[in-house]
Amino acid sequence: MEPLIIDWEQMPTYNTVMALASGAALLSIAAIGKNLISREKVNPQGWAINLFALAIILVTTGLHMTVVWPLAKYFPFDNIVFGEPSLVLGVLLLVIAFYFYKNRISIVEDSDSLKQVSADLRHFKYIMIGIGLGMIGIAFAGVIFQLFAAPKEEPISGMLADYPMVEAVCISLVYAGIGVASIITPFILERFATGDYENRLAKYGYILLQLVGWTWLLFGALNYFTHIGLIVNTMA
């Protein structure tokens, strides 16, 4: 069998740093919500700095992958699968970071700031529901078209190369989880805006964000090794 050779000049992609930043963003959002509910470690200026840094990574990489078509010659669907969700998340983080910085004093001084924050941010509901449904669409596409499978030349992930459905299902479940979290978040914010902080939907949303956030963060970190190995193993 001929060894796999990839022309990497035709294969730029950033899903390593995208996954890492996306995971960090989801975990940060979950932590911020928890802090606002408990009124512990309330630091909107710190939140703004963190979200702004993550937004810069996601907006720049997501925008480039979205508008340069196709960025990856061999996998043009990467523009949709990785680029567009990263761009949307990055833009939302950028706006939320500005919001937290601008309102940092009132958020700290108000003993019930979650109510006002939720009332303001719930207006993201249409884009959040839309991109959430889009993420679920990506999940279905991942399974139906068996996307995300790594070649044998990729360390660790390549061990499942003969079983492409395994990685397709696993990655698609993460996308579906993010999609569900995105869809239910506006409804959580609606309840928070009324002062209902103990609803079950919020607890489920927090757990879901933790699960998909850590999964994406650790998977992105792992890809720094596996993708370097793939490049080394497939260079001409």
Protein backbone atom coordinates (compact mmCIF):
# COMPACT_ATOMS: atom_id res chain seq x y z
CA MET A 1 0.00 0.00 0.00
CA GLU A 2 1.31 3.42 -0.96
CA PRO A 3 2.06 5.70 2.01
CA LEU A 4 -0.33 8.61 2.48
CA ILE A 5 1.21 11.86 1.26
CA ILE A 6 -0.55 15.17 1.87
CA ASP A 7 0.31 18.49 0.24
CA TRP A 8 0.12 20.54 3.42
CA GLU A 9 0.37 23.80 1.49
CA GLN A 10 -3.18 23.01 0.34
CA MET A 11 -4.35 21.99 3.80
CA PRO A 12 -4.28 24.93 6.24
CA THR A 13 -6.57 24.46 9.21
CA TYR A 14 -6.71 25.70 12.80
CA ASN A 15 -9.04 23.26 14.51
CA THR A 16 -6.41 22.69 17.19
CA VAL A 17 -6.53 26.22 18.60
CA MET A 18 -10.21 26.57 17.66
CA ALA A 19 -11.18 23.55 19.75
CA LEU A 20 -8.96 24.71 22.61
CA ALA A 21 -10.39 28.23 22.65
CA SER A 22 -13.97 27.00 22.19
CA GLY A 23 -13.64 24.61 25.10
CA ALA A 24 -12.15 27.34 27.28
CA ALA A 25 -14.99 29.67 26.27
CA LEU A 26 -17.74 27.17 27.14
CA LEU A 27 -16.13 26.44 30.50
CA SER A 28 -15.74 30.17 31.16
CA ILE A 29 -19.41 30.84 30.40
CA ALA A 30 -20.45 28.05 32.77
CA ALA A 31 -18.18 29.42 35.50
CA ILE A 32 -19.43 32.99 35.04
CA GLY A 33 -23.04 31.85 35.35
CA LYS A 34 -22.23 29.92 38.51
CA ASN A 35 -20.39 32.90 40.00
CA LEU A 36 -23.29 35.24 39.28
CA ILE A 37 -25.78 32.88 40.89
CA SER A 38 -23.70 32.29 44.01
CA ARG A 39 -22.34 35.86 44.14
CA GLU A 40 -18.87 34.37 44.70
CA LYS A 41 -15.77 35.41 42.77
CA VAL A 42 -17.74 38.05 40.88
CA ASN A 43 -15.10 39.75 38.74
CA PRO A 44 -16.59 41.18 35.53
CA GLN A 45 -13.36 42.90 34.58
CA GLY A 46 -11.51 39.58 34.75
CA TRP A 47 -14.32 37.90 32.82
CA ALA A 48 -14.06 40.57 30.13
CA ILE A 49 -10.30 40.11 29.78
CA ASN A 50 -10.64 36.34 29.50
CA LEU A 51 -13.53 36.40 27.02
CA PHE A 52 -11.87 39.10 24.92
CA ALA A 53 -8.68 37.03 24.54
CA LEU A 54 -10.69 33.96 23.53
CA ALA A 55 -12.80 36.07 21.16
CA ILE A 56 -9.72 37.34 19.32
CA ILE A 57 -8.56 33.78 18.67
CA LEU A 58 -11.97 32.60 17.47
CA VAL A 59 -12.89 35.67 15.42
CA THR A 60 -9.59 35.79 13.52
CA THR A 61 -9.35 32.08 12.77
CA GLY A 62 -13.09 31.64 12.26
CA LEU A 63 -13.39 34.64 9.95
CA HIS A 64 -10.46 33.53 7.81
CA MET A 65 -11.74 29.96 7.56
CA THR A 66 -15.25 31.19 6.78
CA VAL A 67 -14.44 33.65 3.98
CA VAL A 68 -11.52 31.87 2.28
CA TRP A 69 -13.32 29.12 0.36
CA PRO A 70 -12.21 26.43 0.53
CA LEU A 71 -9.48 26.99 3.09
CA ALA A 72 -8.59 23.30 3.18
CA LYS A 73 -8.53 21.95 -0.38
CA TYR A 74 -9.04 18.33 0.67
CA PHE A 75 -11.81 19.04 3.17
CA PRO A 76 -13.84 22.07 2.04
CA PHE A 77 -16.59 21.27 4.57
CA ASP A 78 -14.13 22.33 7.30
CA ASN A 79 -15.07 25.93 6.46
CA ILE A 80 -18.61 25.19 7.66
CA VAL A 81 -17.86 22.65 10.38
CA PHE A 82 -15.09 24.59 12.14
CA GLY A 83 -14.96 28.09 10.68
CA GLU A 84 -18.52 29.38 10.96
CA PRO A 85 -19.33 28.15 14.51
CA SER A 86 -16.01 29.55 15.74
CA LEU A 87 -16.77 32.91 14.12
CA VAL A 88 -20.23 33.10 15.70
CA LEU A 89 -18.92 32.13 19.14
CA GLY A 90 -16.05 34.60 18.83
CA VAL A 91 -18.31 37.51 17.91
CA LEU A 92 -20.68 36.73 20.81
CA LEU A 93 -17.75 36.55 23.22
CA LEU A 94 -16.43 39.86 21.93
CA VAL A 95 -19.74 41.60 22.58
CA ILE A 96 -20.19 39.96 26.00
CA ALA A 97 -16.63 40.91 26.98
CA PHE A 98 -17.40 44.56 26.14
CA TYR A 99 -20.65 44.33 28.08
CA PHE A 100 -18.97 42.99 31.21
CA TYR A 101 -16.22 45.60 31.06
CA LYS A 102 -18.62 48.48 30.53
CA ASN A 103 -20.89 47.35 33.38
CA ARG A 104 -18.17 46.03 35.70
CA ILE A 105 -18.97 48.41 38.56
CA SER A 106 -22.74 47.90 38.58
CA ILE A 107 -22.36 44.11 38.31
CA VAL A 108 -20.12 44.07 41.39
CA GLU A 109 -22.26 46.46 43.43
CA ASP A 110 -25.68 45.01 42.53
CA SER A 111 -26.56 42.10 44.83
CA ASP A 112 -28.85 40.69 42.14
CA SER A 113 -26.88 41.52 39.01
CA LEU A 114 -27.67 38.18 37.36
CA LYS A 115 -31.23 39.36 36.79
CA GLN A 116 -30.12 42.40 34.79
CA VAL A 117 -27.32 40.57 32.97
CA SER A 118 -29.77 37.86 31.90
CA ALA A 119 -32.35 40.42 30.81
CA ASP A 120 -29.74 42.04 28.56
CA LEU A 121 -28.09 38.92 27.14
CA ARG A 122 -31.32 37.04 26.45
CA HIS A 123 -31.66 39.10 23.28
CA PHE A 124 -29.05 36.81 21.71
CA LYS A 125 -31.79 34.17 21.62
CA TYR A 126 -32.36 34.07 17.87
CA ILE A 127 -28.71 33.67 16.89
CA MET A 128 -28.19 31.18 19.72
CA ILE A 129 -31.15 29.04 18.70
CA GLY A 130 -30.14 29.30 15.04
CA ILE A 131 -26.50 28.33 15.53
CA GLY A 132 -27.59 25.65 17.99
CA LEU A 133 -29.76 24.05 15.33
CA GLY A 134 -26.85 24.45 12.93
CA MET A 135 -24.56 22.57 15.31
CA ILE A 136 -27.08 19.75 15.51
CA GLY A 137 -27.13 19.77 11.70
CA ILE A 138 -23.34 19.35 11.72
CA ALA A 139 -23.75 16.46 14.15
CA PHE A 140 -26.14 14.68 11.77
CA ALA A 141 -23.82 15.38 8.83
CA GLY A 142 -20.89 13.97 10.79
CA VAL A 143 -22.68 10.66 11.28
CA ILE A 144 -24.40 10.40 7.90
CA PHE A 145 -21.30 11.30 5.88
CA GLN A 146 -18.83 9.75 8.36
CA LEU A 147 -16.81 12.92 8.87
CA PHE A 148 -14.02 13.45 11.44
CA ALA A 149 -12.35 10.03 10.96
CA ALA A 150 -8.57 10.25 11.24
CA PRO A 151 -6.24 8.39 8.83
CA LYS A 152 -3.97 5.60 10.09
CA GLU A 153 -1.00 7.95 9.88
CA GLU A 154 -2.39 10.11 12.69
CA PRO A 155 -1.14 9.00 16.13
CA ILE A 156 -3.76 7.82 18.67
CA SER A 157 -6.83 8.91 16.66
CA GLY A 158 -5.59 6.82 13.72
CA MET A 159 -5.99 3.66 15.77
CA LEU A 160 -9.69 3.85 14.90
CA ALA A 161 -9.13 4.48 11.18
CA ASP A 162 -10.77 1.17 10.28
CA TYR A 163 -13.85 2.16 12.28
CA PRO A 164 -14.72 5.64 10.96
CA MET A 165 -18.13 5.65 12.61
CA VAL A 166 -16.57 5.63 16.08
CA GLU A 167 -14.92 9.05 15.76
CA ALA A 168 -17.80 10.35 13.63
CA VAL A 169 -20.28 9.53 16.39
CA CYS A 170 -18.06 10.80 19.22
CA ILE A 171 -17.32 14.18 17.64
CA SER A 172 -20.91 14.53 16.43
CA LEU A 173 -22.14 14.00 19.99
CA VAL A 174 -19.98 16.92 21.12
CA TYR A 175 -21.43 19.12 18.38
CA ALA A 176 -24.95 18.02 19.32
CA GLY A 177 -24.23 18.76 22.98
CA ILE A 178 -23.04 22.27 22.16
CA GLY A 179 -26.10 22.73 19.95
CA VAL A 180 -28.49 21.72 22.73
CA ALA A 181 -26.66 23.98 25.21
CA SER A 182 -26.94 26.89 22.78
CA ILE A 183 -30.66 26.31 22.21
CA ILE A 184 -31.61 26.07 25.91
CA THR A 185 -29.45 29.00 27.06
CA PRO A 186 -31.95 31.72 25.97
CA PHE A 187 -34.69 29.94 27.93
CA ILE A 188 -32.40 29.79 30.96
CA LEU A 189 -31.72 33.51 30.62
CA GLU A 190 -35.46 34.21 30.38
CA ARG A 191 -35.98 32.48 33.72
CA PHE A 192 -32.99 34.19 35.29
CA ALA A 193 -34.42 37.53 34.16
CA THR A 194 -37.45 36.80 36.34
CA GLY A 195 -35.33 35.85 39.36
CA ASP A 196 -35.80 32.09 38.97
CA TYR A 197 -32.26 30.86 39.69
CA GLU A 198 -33.02 27.35 40.91
CA ASN A 199 -34.67 25.91 37.80
CA ARG A 200 -33.56 22.48 36.61
CA LEU A 201 -32.92 23.69 33.09
CA ALA A 202 -30.08 25.88 34.38
CA LYS A 203 -28.53 22.93 36.22
CA TYR A 204 -28.72 20.75 33.11
CA GLY A 205 -27.26 23.56 31.02
CA TYR A 206 -24.35 24.00 33.43
CA ILE A 207 -23.56 20.27 33.42
CA LEU A 208 -23.80 20.14 29.63
CA LEU A 209 -21.46 23.11 29.21
CA GLN A 210 -18.97 21.49 31.58
CA LEU A 211 -19.06 18.20 29.68
CA VAL A 212 -18.69 19.60 26.17
CA GLY A 213 -16.29 22.32 27.32
CA TRP A 214 -13.83 19.89 28.90
CA THR A 215 -14.21 17.47 26.00
CA TRP A 216 -13.41 20.17 23.44
CA LEU A 217 -10.56 21.62 25.52
CA LEU A 218 -8.86 18.25 26.07
CA PHE A 219 -9.48 17.11 22.50
CA GLY A 220 -7.95 20.32 21.18
CA ALA A 221 -4.93 19.88 23.43
CA LEU A 222 -4.53 16.26 22.28
CA ASN A 223 -4.66 17.39 18.66
CA TYR A 224 -1.47 19.38 19.14
CA PHE A 225 0.30 16.04 19.39
CA THR A 226 -1.79 14.03 16.94
CA HIS A 227 -1.83 16.65 14.20
CA ILE A 228 1.91 17.24 14.43
CA GLY A 229 2.37 13.48 14.18
CA LEU A 230 0.07 13.34 11.13
CA ILE A 231 2.04 16.08 9.41
CA VAL A 232 5.36 14.37 10.12
CA ASN A 233 4.02 11.03 8.89
CA THR A 234 2.53 12.38 5.65
CA MET A 235 5.04 14.95 4.43
CA ALA A 236 6.32 14.41 0.91
